[in-house]
């Protein structure tokens, strides 16, 4: 499967994005390749914040690497969303592993913590991954400093959630090793912020 991409982020972000593509190539069956005019493509832009739609939207699909988002693990996180991967703490079975502290979540951010149904998101029998780059940290979107928004049921894992060092594993992306995914990634000019 091919997925084109157009890049309109700054030069620093471009380098980090290319590093993220290399990580996918090394750790999964996903290969990002240059865009050559295909109808469906990923447009990497520099808007406010770090965000992506989850899964293929069809046509031009935007992914934002905004100010402060130009870190390889943040780019990997957003690319995984574009590939159809939800946040780890949104899994249908998440209540077996973490407790969401709803009163500590900033107004308007509750949707980021909603649990998916089995129909919306299938974990493909991949174990819950506390160290996933797709897992929010314990204080994500907190209402005040020092308040946890996520607490692990087993306290030993509190320091693992929210790591942004590397993809711990590609999870569902490697659960089906016979699937070969190729995503089209293109750089078009002029580059602008």
Protein backbone atom coordinates (compact mmCIF):
# COMPACT_ATOMS: atom_id res chain seq x y z
CA UNK A 1 0.00 0.00 0.00
CA UNK A 2 1.33 3.44 -0.90
CA UNK A 3 0.73 6.67 1.01
CA UNK A 4 2.11 9.96 -0.38
CA UNK A 5 3.31 12.79 1.79
CA UNK A 6 4.06 16.46 1.28
CA UNK A 7 6.26 18.28 3.78
CA UNK A 8 5.77 21.93 4.73
CA UNK A 9 7.55 22.04 8.09
CA UNK A 10 10.82 23.82 8.86
CA UNK A 11 14.27 22.41 8.11
CA UNK A 12 14.88 21.17 11.67
CA UNK A 13 11.56 19.31 11.66
CA UNK A 14 12.35 17.88 8.22
CA UNK A 15 15.51 16.23 9.56
CA UNK A 16 13.64 14.75 12.50
CA UNK A 17 10.83 13.53 10.23
CA UNK A 18 13.33 11.77 7.96
CA UNK A 19 14.90 10.15 11.05
CA UNK A 20 11.45 8.92 12.09
CA UNK A 21 10.94 7.40 8.64
CA UNK A 22 14.24 5.56 9.05
CA UNK A 23 13.10 4.20 12.43
CA UNK A 24 9.94 2.81 10.84
CA UNK A 25 11.99 1.19 8.10
CA UNK A 26 14.27 -0.42 10.69
CA UNK A 27 11.64 -1.51 13.23
CA UNK A 28 8.60 -2.41 11.13
CA UNK A 29 7.41 -3.38 7.68
CA UNK A 30 6.67 0.27 6.87
CA UNK A 31 8.65 2.18 4.30
CA UNK A 32 8.01 5.83 3.52
CA UNK A 33 8.89 6.64 -0.09
CA UNK A 34 8.83 9.89 -2.14
CA UNK A 35 5.51 11.26 -3.36
CA UNK A 36 4.94 11.28 -7.11
CA UNK A 37 1.43 12.72 -7.39
CA UNK A 38 -0.78 9.97 -5.92
CA UNK A 39 -4.31 10.94 -4.91
CA UNK A 40 -4.01 9.95 -1.23
CA UNK A 41 -1.12 11.51 0.65
CA UNK A 42 0.08 12.72 4.01
CA UNK A 43 0.77 16.45 4.27
CA UNK A 44 3.18 17.25 7.10
CA UNK A 45 2.56 20.84 8.16
CA UNK A 46 3.60 23.18 10.94
CA UNK A 47 0.34 24.18 12.59
CA UNK A 48 -0.37 24.71 16.27
CA UNK A 49 0.49 21.58 18.23
CA UNK A 50 1.37 17.98 17.47
CA UNK A 51 -1.52 16.05 15.97
CA UNK A 52 -2.72 13.66 13.30
CA UNK A 53 -5.97 12.06 12.27
CA UNK A 54 -6.10 8.35 13.11
CA UNK A 55 -5.97 6.13 10.03
CA UNK A 56 -6.30 6.85 6.34
CA UNK A 57 -8.66 9.75 5.64
CA UNK A 58 -8.38 9.75 1.85
CA UNK A 59 -7.02 12.56 -0.30
CA UNK A 60 -4.84 15.12 1.44
CA UNK A 61 -4.35 14.08 5.06
CA UNK A 62 -2.74 16.61 7.40
CA UNK A 63 -0.32 15.80 10.19
CA UNK A 64 0.99 18.72 12.26
CA UNK A 65 4.52 18.95 13.63
CA UNK A 66 4.10 22.33 15.31
CA UNK A 67 6.48 24.39 17.38
CA UNK A 68 8.16 22.21 20.01
CA UNK A 69 7.05 18.99 18.30
CA UNK A 70 10.26 18.39 16.35
CA UNK A 71 11.43 15.41 18.42
CA UNK A 72 11.75 12.00 16.79
CA UNK A 73 9.43 10.22 19.24
CA UNK A 74 6.72 12.87 18.86
CA UNK A 75 6.93 12.55 15.07
CA UNK A 76 6.79 8.74 15.43
CA UNK A 77 3.73 9.09 17.69
CA UNK A 78 1.90 11.24 15.13
CA UNK A 79 2.92 8.99 12.21
CA UNK A 80 1.56 5.99 14.11
CA UNK A 81 -1.75 7.85 14.45
CA UNK A 82 -1.75 8.45 10.67
CA UNK A 83 -1.15 4.71 10.24
CA UNK A 84 -4.25 3.93 12.29
CA UNK A 85 -2.79 3.37 15.77
CA UNK A 86 -4.67 4.86 18.71
CA UNK A 87 -3.09 5.98 21.99
CA UNK A 88 -2.25 3.00 24.21
CA UNK A 89 -4.36 4.33 27.10
CA UNK A 90 -7.37 4.43 24.75
CA UNK A 91 -7.46 0.64 24.34
CA UNK A 92 -10.70 -1.13 25.24
CA UNK A 93 -8.86 -3.09 27.96
CA UNK A 94 -7.01 -0.10 29.44
CA UNK A 95 -8.94 -0.16 32.75
CA UNK A 96 -7.12 -3.41 33.55
CA UNK A 97 -3.83 -1.49 33.45
CA UNK A 98 -4.41 2.20 34.25
CA UNK A 99 -6.88 4.46 36.01
CA UNK A 100 -7.79 7.79 34.43
CA UNK A 101 -8.08 10.68 36.90
CA UNK A 102 -10.84 12.58 35.10
CA UNK A 103 -11.00 15.47 37.61
CA UNK A 104 -7.31 16.25 36.96
CA UNK A 105 -7.67 16.58 33.17
CA UNK A 106 -7.75 20.05 31.64
CA UNK A 107 -11.15 21.18 30.33
CA UNK A 108 -11.61 20.28 26.68
CA UNK A 109 -9.02 17.47 26.76
CA UNK A 110 -11.20 14.65 28.07
CA UNK A 111 -11.62 13.21 24.57
CA UNK A 112 -7.88 12.48 24.53
CA UNK A 113 -8.52 9.96 27.31
CA UNK A 114 -11.68 8.32 26.00
CA UNK A 115 -11.61 4.55 25.81
CA UNK A 116 -12.19 2.98 22.41
CA UNK A 117 -14.59 0.11 21.90
CA UNK A 118 -13.36 -3.20 20.51
CA UNK A 119 -15.02 -2.24 17.21
CA UNK A 120 -13.06 1.04 17.04
CA UNK A 121 -9.68 -0.38 17.96
CA UNK A 122 -8.43 -3.96 17.90
CA UNK A 123 -5.23 -4.58 19.86
CA UNK A 124 -4.63 -7.78 17.82
CA UNK A 125 -3.87 -9.58 21.09
CA UNK A 126 -0.73 -7.47 21.56
CA UNK A 127 -0.03 -7.07 25.30
CA UNK A 128 -0.62 -3.66 26.90
CA UNK A 129 2.58 -1.65 26.47
CA UNK A 130 3.33 0.80 29.28
CA UNK A 131 6.51 1.90 27.49
CA UNK A 132 4.81 2.57 24.16
CA UNK A 133 5.54 5.89 22.47
CA UNK A 134 1.74 5.90 22.04
CA UNK A 135 1.12 6.04 25.83
CA UNK A 136 0.54 9.41 27.49
CA UNK A 137 2.63 10.30 30.52
CA UNK A 138 1.19 10.37 34.02
CA UNK A 139 0.62 14.15 33.96
CA UNK A 140 -0.59 14.64 30.38
CA UNK A 141 -3.06 17.55 30.10
CA UNK A 142 -3.10 18.06 33.88
CA UNK A 143 -5.11 20.90 35.41
CA UNK A 144 -2.29 21.88 37.79
CA UNK A 145 1.35 20.92 38.37
CA UNK A 146 1.84 17.74 40.36
CA UNK A 147 -1.52 16.18 39.49
CA UNK A 148 -1.59 12.80 37.80
CA UNK A 149 -4.07 12.23 34.99
CA UNK A 150 -3.10 8.57 34.56
CA UNK A 151 -2.15 6.14 37.33
CA UNK A 152 -0.89 2.65 36.55
CA UNK A 153 -2.62 -0.12 38.48
CA UNK A 154 0.81 -1.60 39.19
CA UNK A 155 2.89 1.28 40.63
CA UNK A 156 6.11 -0.15 39.22
CA UNK A 157 5.03 1.04 35.75
CA UNK A 158 4.42 4.71 36.66
CA UNK A 159 7.91 5.68 35.49
CA UNK A 160 7.46 3.84 32.17
CA UNK A 161 4.37 5.57 30.81
CA UNK A 162 4.87 8.55 28.55
CA UNK A 163 8.40 7.75 27.45
CA UNK A 164 9.40 9.66 24.36
CA UNK A 165 12.79 8.08 23.68
CA UNK A 166 11.95 5.50 21.05
CA UNK A 167 9.32 3.20 19.60
CA UNK A 168 9.26 0.32 22.10
CA UNK A 169 7.82 -1.90 19.41
CA UNK A 170 5.58 -1.36 16.45
CA UNK A 171 2.88 -3.46 18.13
CA UNK A 172 0.05 -4.12 15.69
CA UNK A 173 2.33 -3.04 12.84
CA UNK A 174 4.54 -6.08 13.40
CA UNK A 175 1.77 -8.45 14.47
CA UNK A 176 1.19 -9.34 10.82
CA UNK A 177 4.70 -9.86 9.36
CA UNK A 178 3.42 -10.85 5.90
CA UNK A 179 1.90 -7.41 5.34
CA UNK A 180 4.18 -5.05 3.42
CA UNK A 181 3.29 -1.38 3.72
CA UNK A 182 4.86 1.31 1.59
CA UNK A 183 3.98 4.92 2.26
CA UNK A 184 4.78 7.60 -0.24
CA UNK A 185 6.58 10.50 1.30
CA UNK A 186 7.48 13.52 -0.75
CA UNK A 187 9.22 16.81 -0.27
CA UNK A 188 7.80 19.64 -2.31
CA UNK A 189 8.81 23.27 -2.23
CA UNK A 190 8.93 25.91 -1.35
CA UNK A 191 9.41 25.08 2.32
CA UNK A 192 7.65 27.51 4.62
CA UNK A 193 6.49 27.81 8.20
